[in-house]
Amino acid sequence: ADKLMVAVALVLLVQSHANFWVTAPA
Protein backbone atom coordinates (compact mmCIF):
# COMPACT_ATOMS: atom_id res chain seq x y z
CA ALA A 1 0.00 0.00 0.00
CA ASP A 2 2.83 2.40 0.87
CA LYS A 3 4.68 1.79 -2.37
CA LEU A 4 1.49 2.09 -4.43
CA MET A 5 0.60 5.46 -2.88
CA VAL A 6 4.09 6.87 -3.41
CA ALA A 7 4.42 5.49 -6.95
CA VAL A 8 1.01 6.85 -7.97
CA ALA A 9 1.85 10.27 -6.51
CA LEU A 10 5.20 10.34 -8.30
CA VAL A 11 3.66 9.32 -11.64
CA LEU A 12 1.01 12.04 -11.33
CA LEU A 13 3.66 14.64 -10.51
CA VAL A 14 6.00 13.56 -13.32
CA GLN A 15 3.12 13.83 -15.78
CA SER A 16 1.91 17.23 -14.60
CA HIS A 17 5.22 18.92 -13.77
CA ALA A 18 7.21 17.33 -16.60
CA ASN A 19 10.65 18.56 -15.53
CA PHE A 20 13.99 17.17 -14.43
CA TRP A 21 13.51 18.23 -10.79
CA VAL A 22 10.54 15.89 -10.40
CA THR A 23 11.37 13.19 -12.97
CA ALA A 24 14.92 12.38 -11.81
CA PRO A 25 13.99 11.90 -8.14
CA ALA A 26 10.90 9.90 -9.17
PDB file of all heavy atoms in Angstrom:
ATOM      1  N   ALA A   1       0.830  -1.209   0.000  1.00  0.00           N
ATOM      2  CA  ALA A   1       0.000   0.000   0.000  1.00  0.00           C
ATOM      3  C   ALA A   1       0.865   1.260   0.000  1.00  0.00           C
ATOM      4  O   ALA A   1       0.584   2.224  -0.727  1.00  0.00           O
ATOM      5  CB  ALA A   1      -0.941  -0.003   1.204  1.00  0.00           C
ATOM      6  N   ASP A   2       1.921   1.249   0.803  1.00  0.00           N
ATOM      7  CA  ASP A   2       2.827   2.404   0.869  1.00  0.00           C
ATOM      8  C   ASP A   2       3.458   2.671  -0.490  1.00  0.00           C
ATOM      9  O   ASP A   2       3.474   3.803  -0.978  1.00  0.00           O
ATOM     10  CB  ASP A   2       3.952   2.163   1.881  1.00  0.00           C
ATOM     11  CG  ASP A   2       3.440   1.888   3.271  1.00  0.00           C
ATOM     12  OD1 ASP A   2       2.266   2.179   3.537  1.00  0.00           O
ATOM     13  OD2 ASP A   2       4.214   1.359   4.078  1.00  0.00           O
ATOM     14  N   LYS A   3       3.988   1.631  -1.092  1.00  0.00           N
ATOM     15  CA  LYS A   3       4.677   1.785  -2.371  1.00  0.00           C
ATOM     16  C   LYS A   3       3.715   2.201  -3.479  1.00  0.00           C
ATOM     17  O   LYS A   3       4.065   3.004  -4.345  1.00  0.00           O
ATOM     18  CB  LYS A   3       5.419   0.502  -2.728  1.00  0.00           C
ATOM     19  CG  LYS A   3       6.656   0.299  -1.857  1.00  0.00           C
ATOM     20  CD  LYS A   3       7.209  -1.096  -1.983  1.00  0.00           C
ATOM     21  CE  LYS A   3       8.376  -1.364  -1.064  1.00  0.00           C
ATOM     22  NZ  LYS A   3       8.326  -0.827   0.258  1.00  0.00           N
ATOM     23  N   LEU A   4       2.489   1.680  -3.443  1.00  0.00           N
ATOM     24  CA  LEU A   4       1.486   2.086  -4.429  1.00  0.00           C
ATOM     25  C   LEU A   4       1.161   3.574  -4.308  1.00  0.00           C
ATOM     26  O   LEU A   4       1.112   4.291  -5.313  1.00  0.00           O
ATOM     27  CB  LEU A   4       0.203   1.269  -4.266  1.00  0.00           C
ATOM     28  CG  LEU A   4       0.197  -0.133  -4.834  1.00  0.00           C
ATOM     29  CD1 LEU A   4      -1.090  -0.865  -4.443  1.00  0.00           C
ATOM     30  CD2 LEU A   4       0.335  -0.103  -6.348  1.00  0.00           C
ATOM     31  N   MET A   5       0.934   4.037  -3.082  1.00  0.00           N
ATOM     32  CA  MET A   5       0.599   5.461  -2.876  1.00  0.00           C
ATOM     33  C   MET A   5       1.727   6.357  -3.376  1.00  0.00           C
ATOM     34  O   MET A   5       1.488   7.342  -4.085  1.00  0.00           O
ATOM     35  CB  MET A   5       0.335   5.755  -1.392  1.00  0.00           C
ATOM     36  CG  MET A   5      -1.024   5.363  -0.894  1.00  0.00           C
ATOM     37  SD  MET A   5      -2.413   6.233  -1.670  1.00  0.00           S
ATOM     38  CE  MET A   5      -2.119   7.916  -1.213  1.00  0.00           C
ATOM     39  N   VAL A   6       2.944   6.045  -3.015  1.00  0.00           N
ATOM     40  CA  VAL A   6       4.086   6.873  -3.406  1.00  0.00           C
ATOM     41  C   VAL A   6       4.288   6.813  -4.920  1.00  0.00           C
ATOM     42  O   VAL A   6       4.487   7.849  -5.564  1.00  0.00           O
ATOM     43  CB  VAL A   6       5.364   6.451  -2.650  1.00  0.00           C
ATOM     44  CG1 VAL A   6       6.603   7.124  -3.230  1.00  0.00           C
ATOM     45  CG2 VAL A   6       5.230   6.779  -1.166  1.00  0.00           C
ATOM     46  N   ALA A   7       4.223   5.623  -5.496  1.00  0.00           N
ATOM     47  CA  ALA A   7       4.425   5.494  -6.948  1.00  0.00           C
ATOM     48  C   ALA A   7       3.347   6.244  -7.723  1.00  0.00           C
ATOM     49  O   ALA A   7       3.651   6.941  -8.698  1.00  0.00           O
ATOM     50  CB  ALA A   7       4.449   4.021  -7.358  1.00  0.00           C
ATOM     51  N   VAL A   8       2.098   6.133  -7.291  1.00  0.00           N
ATOM     52  CA  VAL A   8       1.013   6.854  -7.965  1.00  0.00           C
ATOM     53  C   VAL A   8       1.240   8.359  -7.862  1.00  0.00           C
ATOM     54  O   VAL A   8       1.109   9.089  -8.854  1.00  0.00           O
ATOM     55  CB  VAL A   8      -0.364   6.453  -7.388  1.00  0.00           C
ATOM     56  CG1 VAL A   8      -1.459   7.412  -7.829  1.00  0.00           C
ATOM     57  CG2 VAL A   8      -0.708   5.029  -7.800  1.00  0.00           C
ATOM     58  N   ALA A   9       1.597   8.841  -6.682  1.00  0.00           N
ATOM     59  CA  ALA A   9       1.855  10.275  -6.512  1.00  0.00           C
ATOM     60  C   ALA A   9       2.997  10.740  -7.413  1.00  0.00           C
ATOM     61  O   ALA A   9       2.904  11.777  -8.074  1.00  0.00           O
ATOM     62  CB  ALA A   9       2.166  10.593  -5.050  1.00  0.00           C
ATOM     63  N   LEU A  10       4.063   9.967  -7.462  1.00  0.00           N
ATOM     64  CA  LEU A  10       5.203  10.341  -8.301  1.00  0.00           C
ATOM     65  C   LEU A  10       4.835  10.352  -9.786  1.00  0.00           C
ATOM     66  O   LEU A  10       5.224  11.274 -10.517  1.00  0.00           O
ATOM     67  CB  LEU A  10       6.386   9.406  -8.047  1.00  0.00           C
ATOM     68  CG  LEU A  10       7.106   9.614  -6.715  1.00  0.00           C
ATOM     69  CD1 LEU A  10       8.037   8.450  -6.422  1.00  0.00           C
ATOM     70  CD2 LEU A  10       7.855  10.932  -6.699  1.00  0.00           C
ATOM     71  N   VAL A  11       4.076   9.369 -10.231  1.00  0.00           N
ATOM     72  CA  VAL A  11       3.664   9.324 -11.641  1.00  0.00           C
ATOM     73  C   VAL A  11       2.792  10.533 -11.972  1.00  0.00           C
ATOM     74  O   VAL A  11       2.975  11.173 -13.019  1.00  0.00           O
ATOM     75  CB  VAL A  11       2.946   7.988 -11.965  1.00  0.00           C
ATOM     76  CG1 VAL A  11       2.256   8.034 -13.312  1.00  0.00           C
ATOM     77  CG2 VAL A  11       3.946   6.838 -11.911  1.00  0.00           C
ATOM     78  N   LEU A  12       1.858  10.867 -11.098  1.00  0.00           N
ATOM     79  CA  LEU A  12       1.013  12.040 -11.329  1.00  0.00           C
ATOM     80  C   LEU A  12       1.864  13.312 -11.420  1.00  0.00           C
ATOM     81  O   LEU A  12       1.640  14.160 -12.298  1.00  0.00           O
ATOM     82  CB  LEU A  12      -0.020  12.193 -10.209  1.00  0.00           C
ATOM     83  CG  LEU A  12      -1.124  11.150 -10.133  1.00  0.00           C
ATOM     84  CD1 LEU A  12      -1.976  11.367  -8.890  1.00  0.00           C
ATOM     85  CD2 LEU A  12      -1.981  11.155 -11.389  1.00  0.00           C
ATOM     86  N   LEU A  13       2.824  13.438 -10.521  1.00  0.00           N
ATOM     87  CA  LEU A  13       3.660  14.636 -10.511  1.00  0.00           C
ATOM     88  C   LEU A  13       4.583  14.702 -11.724  1.00  0.00           C
ATOM     89  O   LEU A  13       4.782  15.782 -12.297  1.00  0.00           O
ATOM     90  CB  LEU A  13       4.471  14.701  -9.210  1.00  0.00           C
ATOM     91  CG  LEU A  13       3.642  15.002  -7.961  1.00  0.00           C
ATOM     92  CD1 LEU A  13       4.463  14.774  -6.701  1.00  0.00           C
ATOM     93  CD2 LEU A  13       3.079  16.412  -7.998  1.00  0.00           C
ATOM     94  N   VAL A  14       5.136  13.570 -12.128  1.00  0.00           N
ATOM     95  CA  VAL A  14       5.996  13.559 -13.318  1.00  0.00           C
ATOM     96  C   VAL A  14       5.186  13.992 -14.535  1.00  0.00           C
ATOM     97  O   VAL A  14       5.653  14.786 -15.350  1.00  0.00           O
ATOM     98  CB  VAL A  14       6.628  12.158 -13.539  1.00  0.00           C
ATOM     99  CG1 VAL A  14       7.194  12.020 -14.942  1.00  0.00           C
ATOM    100  CG2 VAL A  14       7.710  11.910 -12.504  1.00  0.00           C
ATOM    101  N   GLN A  15       3.972  13.480 -14.644  1.00  0.00           N
ATOM    102  CA  GLN A  15       3.116  13.829 -15.780  1.00  0.00           C
ATOM    103  C   GLN A  15       2.756  15.308 -15.774  1.00  0.00           C
ATOM    104  O   GLN A  15       2.825  15.975 -16.799  1.00  0.00           O
ATOM    105  CB  GLN A  15       1.856  12.963 -15.754  1.00  0.00           C
ATOM    106  CG  GLN A  15       0.926  13.154 -16.927  1.00  0.00           C
ATOM    107  CD  GLN A  15      -0.121  14.227 -16.673  1.00  0.00           C
ATOM    108  OE1 GLN A  15      -0.602  14.410 -15.569  1.00  0.00           O
ATOM    109  NE2 GLN A  15      -0.442  14.955 -17.717  1.00  0.00           N
ATOM    110  N   SER A  16       2.381  15.846 -14.627  1.00  0.00           N
ATOM    111  CA  SER A  16       1.909  17.229 -14.605  1.00  0.00           C
ATOM    112  C   SER A  16       3.041  18.256 -14.560  1.00  0.00           C
ATOM    113  O   SER A  16       2.945  19.307 -15.178  1.00  0.00           O
ATOM    114  CB  SER A  16       0.941  17.460 -13.440  1.00  0.00           C
ATOM    115  OG  SER A  16       1.584  17.248 -12.208  1.00  0.00           O
ATOM    116  N   HIS A  17       4.120  17.961 -13.867  1.00  0.00           N
ATOM    117  CA  HIS A  17       5.221  18.920 -13.772  1.00  0.00           C
ATOM    118  C   HIS A  17       6.183  18.809 -14.952  1.00  0.00           C
ATOM    119  O   HIS A  17       6.733  19.820 -15.382  1.00  0.00           O
ATOM    120  CB  HIS A  17       5.976  18.742 -12.444  1.00  0.00           C
ATOM    121  CG  HIS A  17       5.217  19.255 -11.270  1.00  0.00           C
ATOM    122  ND1 HIS A  17       5.573  20.402 -10.610  1.00  0.00           N
ATOM    123  CD2 HIS A  17       4.118  18.788 -10.641  1.00  0.00           C
ATOM    124  CE1 HIS A  17       4.715  20.619  -9.609  1.00  0.00           C
ATOM    125  NE2 HIS A  17       3.829  19.651  -9.619  1.00  0.00           N
ATOM    126  N   ALA A  18       6.397  17.591 -15.410  1.00  0.00           N
ATOM    127  CA  ALA A  18       7.214  17.333 -16.604  1.00  0.00           C
ATOM    128  C   ALA A  18       8.527  18.113 -16.624  1.00  0.00           C
ATOM    129  O   ALA A  18       8.819  18.854 -17.554  1.00  0.00           O
ATOM    130  CB  ALA A  18       6.407  17.611 -17.873  1.00  0.00           C
ATOM    131  N   ASN A  19       9.323  17.933 -15.559  1.00  0.00           N
ATOM    132  CA  ASN A  19      10.645  18.557 -15.534  1.00  0.00           C
ATOM    133  C   ASN A  19      11.646  17.646 -14.830  1.00  0.00           C
ATOM    134  O   ASN A  19      11.271  16.690 -14.153  1.00  0.00           O
ATOM    135  CB  ASN A  19      10.600  19.947 -14.868  1.00  0.00           C
ATOM    136  CG  ASN A  19      10.264  19.883 -13.397  1.00  0.00           C
ATOM    137  OD1 ASN A  19      10.866  19.146 -12.624  1.00  0.00           O
ATOM    138  ND2 ASN A  19       9.277  20.671 -12.976  1.00  0.00           N
ATOM    139  N   PHE A  20      12.906  17.967 -15.003  1.00  0.00           N
ATOM    140  CA  PHE A  20      13.990  17.171 -14.427  1.00  0.00           C
ATOM    141  C   PHE A  20      13.880  17.072 -12.909  1.00  0.00           C
ATOM    142  O   PHE A  20      14.166  16.021 -12.328  1.00  0.00           O
ATOM    143  CB  PHE A  20      15.339  17.799 -14.812  1.00  0.00           C
ATOM    144  CG  PHE A  20      16.510  17.158 -14.131  1.00  0.00           C
ATOM    145  CD1 PHE A  20      17.052  15.988 -14.622  1.00  0.00           C
ATOM    146  CD2 PHE A  20      17.057  17.722 -12.974  1.00  0.00           C
ATOM    147  CE1 PHE A  20      18.130  15.386 -13.982  1.00  0.00           C
ATOM    148  CE2 PHE A  20      18.130  17.128 -12.332  1.00  0.00           C
ATOM    149  CZ  PHE A  20      18.674  15.960 -12.841  1.00  0.00           C
ATOM    150  N   TRP A  21      13.495  18.142 -12.244  1.00  0.00           N
ATOM    151  CA  TRP A  21      13.508  18.227 -10.787  1.00  0.00           C
ATOM    152  C   TRP A  21      12.472  17.317 -10.138  1.00  0.00           C
ATOM    153  O   TRP A  21      12.579  17.025  -8.950  1.00  0.00           O
ATOM    154  CB  TRP A  21      13.319  19.678 -10.340  1.00  0.00           C
ATOM    155  CG  TRP A  21      14.353  20.537 -10.960  1.00  0.00           C
ATOM    156  CD1 TRP A  21      14.171  21.428 -11.991  1.00  0.00           C
ATOM    157  CD2 TRP A  21      15.742  20.553 -10.667  1.00  0.00           C
ATOM    158  NE1 TRP A  21      15.370  21.988 -12.334  1.00  0.00           N
ATOM    159  CE2 TRP A  21      16.358  21.480 -11.543  1.00  0.00           C
ATOM    160  CE3 TRP A  21      16.553  19.879  -9.749  1.00  0.00           C
ATOM    161  CZ2 TRP A  21      17.716  21.737 -11.522  1.00  0.00           C
ATOM    162  CZ3 TRP A  21      17.912  20.134  -9.736  1.00  0.00           C
ATOM    163  CH2 TRP A  21      18.483  21.064 -10.616  1.00  0.00           C
ATOM    164  N   VAL A  22      11.509  16.868 -10.898  1.00  0.00           N
ATOM    165  CA  VAL A  22      10.542  15.890 -10.401  1.00  0.00           C
ATOM    166  C   VAL A  22      10.839  14.510 -10.990  1.00  0.00           C
ATOM    167  O   VAL A  22      10.789  13.501 -10.292  1.00  0.00           O
ATOM    168  CB  VAL A  22       9.092  16.331 -10.722  1.00  0.00           C
ATOM    169  CG1 VAL A  22       8.097  15.253 -10.353  1.00  0.00           C
ATOM    170  CG2 VAL A  22       8.754  17.635 -10.002  1.00  0.00           C
ATOM    171  N   THR A  23      11.174  14.477 -12.280  1.00  0.00           N
ATOM    172  CA  THR A  23      11.370  13.194 -12.967  1.00  0.00           C
ATOM    173  C   THR A  23      12.580  12.425 -12.435  1.00  0.00           C
ATOM    174  O   THR A  23      12.476  11.218 -12.159  1.00  0.00           O
ATOM    175  CB  THR A  23      11.506  13.418 -14.487  1.00  0.00           C
ATOM    176  OG1 THR A  23      10.338  14.113 -14.945  1.00  0.00           O
ATOM    177  CG2 THR A  23      11.655  12.113 -15.221  1.00  0.00           C
ATOM    178  N   ALA A  24      13.716  13.073 -12.284  1.00  0.00           N
ATOM    179  CA  ALA A  24      14.925  12.377 -11.811  1.00  0.00           C
ATOM    180  C   ALA A  24      14.718  11.762 -10.423  1.00  0.00           C
ATOM    181  O   ALA A  24      14.999  10.570 -10.230  1.00  0.00           O
ATOM    182  CB  ALA A  24      16.135  13.302 -11.843  1.00  0.00           C
ATOM    183  N   PRO A  25      14.221  12.526  -9.447  1.00  0.00           N
ATOM    184  CA  PRO A  25      13.987  11.895  -8.140  1.00  0.00           C
ATOM    185  C   PRO A  25      12.943  10.781  -8.201  1.00  0.00           C
ATOM    186  O   PRO A  25      13.073   9.781  -7.501  1.00  0.00           O
ATOM    187  CB  PRO A  25      13.499  13.047  -7.257  1.00  0.00           C
ATOM    188  CG  PRO A  25      13.938  14.279  -7.912  1.00  0.00           C
ATOM    189  CD  PRO A  25      14.003  13.978  -9.380  1.00  0.00           C
ATOM    190  N   ALA A  26      11.929  10.946  -9.050  1.00  0.00           N
ATOM    191  CA  ALA A  26      10.898   9.905  -9.169  1.00  0.00           C
ATOM    192  C   ALA A  26      11.518   8.603  -9.656  1.00  0.00           C
ATOM    193  O   ALA A  26      11.209   7.518  -9.134  1.00  0.00           O
ATOM    194  CB  ALA A  26       9.787  10.362 -10.111  1.00  0.00           C
TER     195      ALA A  26
END
